[in-house]
Amino acid sequence: MICSLSEKESAVSTYQPFMQALLWTCKSCGFVYEGGQPKQNCPMCESYKTSFIDFPQHLEAQIREAHPDKSFNHAECRAMRRELMEEHNVDAHNRVAGRILPSASGTNIKPS
């Protein structure tokens, strides 16, 4: 079955770019870094790399929907992020070390 271009475009139109990226959040200040690995130090509070956690994307969606007109690293967004981390006990469940990432070939790798 061949799909027309308009059918493919309508299926892709609901794509949320931030929902596909890795979101690393500083436990100290709530700063968010999008990408493969967090930086050595947090650019906001200068906490070491181990204070970054993998932030759940359903919680990040709540923050970005509550503050659509603000940058995701705005002070209000960071404060809400820290409140959600405490409320959902996020820092106890998500950590940087030991995360299993799927590779492009479909197998899993375990970074040290």
C-alpha atoms as a PDB file:
ATOM      1  CA  MET A   1       0.000   0.000   0.000  1.00  0.00           C
ATOM      2  CA  ILE A   2       1.419   3.382  -1.010  1.00  0.00           C
ATOM      3  CA  CYS A   3       0.678   6.398   1.136  1.00  0.00           C
ATOM      4  CA  SER A   4       0.364   9.824  -0.386  1.00  0.00           C
ATOM      5  CA  LEU A   5       2.648  12.613   0.747  1.00  0.00           C
ATOM      6  CA  SER A   6      -0.204  14.432   2.498  1.00  0.00           C
ATOM      7  CA  GLU A   7      -0.992  11.334   4.618  1.00  0.00           C
ATOM      8  CA  LYS A   8       2.650  11.129   5.724  1.00  0.00           C
ATOM      9  CA  GLU A   9       2.758  14.849   6.520  1.00  0.00           C
ATOM     10  CA  SER A  10      -0.390  14.610   8.667  1.00  0.00           C
ATOM     11  CA  ALA A  11       1.120  11.713  10.623  1.00  0.00           C
ATOM     12  CA  VAL A  12       4.301  13.713  11.281  1.00  0.00           C
ATOM     13  CA  SER A  13       2.550  16.973  12.167  1.00  0.00           C
ATOM     14  CA  THR A  14       2.008  15.912  15.809  1.00  0.00           C
ATOM     15  CA  TYR A  15       5.770  15.476  16.354  1.00  0.00           C
ATOM     16  CA  GLN A  16       7.046  17.198  19.469  1.00  0.00           C
ATOM     17  CA  PRO A  17      10.803  17.812  19.101  1.00  0.00           C
ATOM     18  CA  PHE A  18      11.564  18.033  22.826  1.00  0.00           C
ATOM     19  CA  MET A  19       9.806  14.720  23.419  1.00  0.00           C
ATOM     20  CA  GLN A  20      12.411  12.941  21.282  1.00  0.00           C
ATOM     21  CA  ALA A  21      15.540  14.405  22.919  1.00  0.00           C
ATOM     22  CA  LEU A  22      17.335  13.290  26.064  1.00  0.00           C
ATOM     23  CA  LEU A  23      16.588  15.764  28.842  1.00  0.00           C
ATOM     24  CA  TRP A  24      19.246  16.053  31.517  1.00  0.00           C
ATOM     25  CA  THR A  25      18.157  18.090  34.533  1.00  0.00           C
ATOM     26  CA  CYS A  26      20.346  19.443  37.310  1.00  0.00           C
ATOM     27  CA  LYS A  27      19.002  18.267  40.676  1.00  0.00           C
ATOM     28  CA  SER A  28      20.326  21.413  42.368  1.00  0.00           C
ATOM     29  CA  CYS A  29      18.822  24.185  40.264  1.00  0.00           C
ATOM     30  CA  GLY A  30      16.501  22.577  37.673  1.00  0.00           C
ATOM     31  CA  PHE A  31      18.574  23.606  34.624  1.00  0.00           C
ATOM     32  CA  VAL A  32      17.817  21.472  31.532  1.00  0.00           C
ATOM     33  CA  TYR A  33      20.357  20.320  28.977  1.00  0.00           C
ATOM     34  CA  GLU A  34      19.047  18.640  25.825  1.00  0.00           C
ATOM     35  CA  GLY A  35      21.446  16.247  24.165  1.00  0.00           C
ATOM     36  CA  GLY A  36      23.509  13.107  24.441  1.00  0.00           C
ATOM     37  CA  GLN A  37      25.496  13.711  27.623  1.00  0.00           C
ATOM     38  CA  PRO A  38      25.398  16.596  30.109  1.00  0.00           C
ATOM     39  CA  LYS A  39      28.305  19.018  30.345  1.00  0.00           C
ATOM     40  CA  GLN A  40      31.034  18.643  32.979  1.00  0.00           C
ATOM     41  CA  ASN A  41      29.443  21.327  35.191  1.00  0.00           C
ATOM     42  CA  CYS A  42      25.989  22.875  35.298  1.00  0.00           C
ATOM     43  CA  PRO A  43      26.168  26.277  33.560  1.00  0.00           C
ATOM     44  CA  MET A  44      23.656  27.724  36.029  1.00  0.00           C
ATOM     45  CA  CYS A  45      24.885  26.591  39.464  1.00  0.00           C
ATOM     46  CA  GLU A  46      28.217  24.925  38.577  1.00  0.00           C
ATOM     47  CA  SER A  47      27.233  21.590  40.167  1.00  0.00           C
ATOM     48  CA  TYR A  48      29.261  18.619  38.964  1.00  0.00           C
ATOM     49  CA  LYS A  49      28.062  16.348  36.151  1.00  0.00           C
ATOM     50  CA  THR A  50      26.789  13.683  38.578  1.00  0.00           C
ATOM     51  CA  SER A  51      24.030  16.043  39.752  1.00  0.00           C
ATOM     52  CA  PHE A  52      22.316  15.704  36.334  1.00  0.00           C
ATOM     53  CA  ILE A  53      19.487  13.187  36.087  1.00  0.00           C
ATOM     54  CA  ASP A  54      17.421  11.932  33.173  1.00  0.00           C
ATOM     55  CA  PHE A  55      14.215  13.916  33.636  1.00  0.00           C
ATOM     56  CA  PRO A  56      10.935  12.134  32.728  1.00  0.00           C
ATOM     57  CA  GLN A  57       9.519  13.642  29.580  1.00  0.00           C
ATOM     58  CA  HIS A  58       5.884  13.510  30.707  1.00  0.00           C
ATOM     59  CA  LEU A  59       6.829  15.885  33.548  1.00  0.00           C
ATOM     60  CA  GLU A  60       8.745  18.152  31.180  1.00  0.00           C
ATOM     61  CA  ALA A  61       5.649  18.269  28.960  1.00  0.00           C
ATOM     62  CA  GLN A  62       3.627  19.579  31.934  1.00  0.00           C
ATOM     63  CA  ILE A  63       6.170  22.347  32.505  1.00  0.00           C
ATOM     64  CA  ARG A  64       6.305  23.414  28.877  1.00  0.00           C
ATOM     65  CA  GLU A  65       2.521  23.390  28.570  1.00  0.00           C
ATOM     66  CA  ALA A  66       2.170  25.487  31.734  1.00  0.00           C
ATOM     67  CA  HIS A  67       4.708  28.069  30.469  1.00  0.00           C
ATOM     68  CA  PRO A  68       4.515  28.049  26.649  1.00  0.00           C
ATOM     69  CA  ASP A  69       5.753  31.630  26.285  1.00  0.00           C
ATOM     70  CA  LYS A  70       8.875  31.202  28.458  1.00  0.00           C
ATOM     71  CA  SER A  71      12.222  29.581  27.797  1.00  0.00           C
ATOM     72  CA  PHE A  72      12.444  26.095  29.295  1.00  0.00           C
ATOM     73  CA  ASN A  73      15.332  27.310  31.498  1.00  0.00           C
ATOM     74  CA  HIS A  74      13.401  30.349  32.763  1.00  0.00           C
ATOM     75  CA  ALA A  75      13.397  30.767  36.561  1.00  0.00           C
ATOM     76  CA  GLU A  76       9.689  29.851  36.846  1.00  0.00           C
ATOM     77  CA  CYS A  77      10.174  26.704  34.742  1.00  0.00           C
ATOM     78  CA  ARG A  78      13.177  25.635  36.825  1.00  0.00           C
ATOM     79  CA  ALA A  79      11.230  26.206  40.051  1.00  0.00           C
ATOM     80  CA  MET A  80       8.300  24.125  38.773  1.00  0.00           C
ATOM     81  CA  ARG A  81      10.741  21.418  37.638  1.00  0.00           C
ATOM     82  CA  ARG A  82      12.288  21.209  41.117  1.00  0.00           C
ATOM     83  CA  GLU A  83       8.816  21.016  42.697  1.00  0.00           C
ATOM     84  CA  LEU A  84       7.869  18.155  40.367  1.00  0.00           C
ATOM     85  CA  MET A  85      11.157  16.370  41.135  1.00  0.00           C
ATOM     86  CA  GLU A  86      10.357  16.476  44.844  1.00  0.00           C
ATOM     87  CA  GLU A  87       6.692  15.576  44.365  1.00  0.00           C
ATOM     88  CA  HIS A  88       7.406  12.549  42.139  1.00  0.00           C
ATOM     89  CA  ASN A  89      10.678  11.571  43.874  1.00  0.00           C
ATOM     90  CA  VAL A  90      12.424  11.706  40.508  1.00  0.00           C
ATOM     91  CA  ASP A  91      16.021  11.923  41.694  1.00  0.00           C
ATOM     92  CA  ALA A  92      15.752   8.555  43.469  1.00  0.00           C
ATOM     93  CA  HIS A  93      14.658   6.736  40.305  1.00  0.00           C
ATOM     94  CA  ASN A  94      16.619   8.393  37.481  1.00  0.00           C
ATOM     95  CA  ARG A  95      20.380   8.654  37.371  1.00  0.00           C
ATOM     96  CA  VAL A  96      23.185   9.307  34.910  1.00  0.00           C
ATOM     97  CA  ALA A  97      25.295   6.187  35.461  1.00  0.00           C
ATOM     98  CA  GLY A  98      24.023   2.802  34.323  1.00  0.00           C
ATOM     99  CA  ARG A  99      21.453   4.039  31.855  1.00  0.00           C
ATOM    100  CA  ILE A 100      20.770   1.599  29.001  1.00  0.00           C
ATOM    101  CA  LEU A 101      20.641   3.365  25.650  1.00  0.00           C
ATOM    102  CA  PRO A 102      19.404   1.732  22.446  1.00  0.00           C
ATOM    103  CA  SER A 103      21.891   1.942  19.603  1.00  0.00           C
ATOM    104  CA  ALA A 104      21.096   2.563  15.963  1.00  0.00           C
ATOM    105  CA  SER A 105      21.424  -1.154  15.189  1.00  0.00           C
ATOM    106  CA  GLY A 106      18.727  -2.042  17.721  1.00  0.00           C
ATOM    107  CA  THR A 107      20.963  -3.646  20.322  1.00  0.00           C
ATOM    108  CA  ASN A 108      21.555  -2.119  23.730  1.00  0.00           C
ATOM    109  CA  ILE A 109      24.732  -0.683  25.120  1.00  0.00           C
ATOM    110  CA  LYS A 110      25.528  -0.068  28.747  1.00  0.00           C
ATOM    111  CA  PRO A 111      27.656   3.054  29.231  1.00  0.00           C
ATOM    112  CA  SER A 112      29.932   3.068  32.220  1.00  0.00           C
END
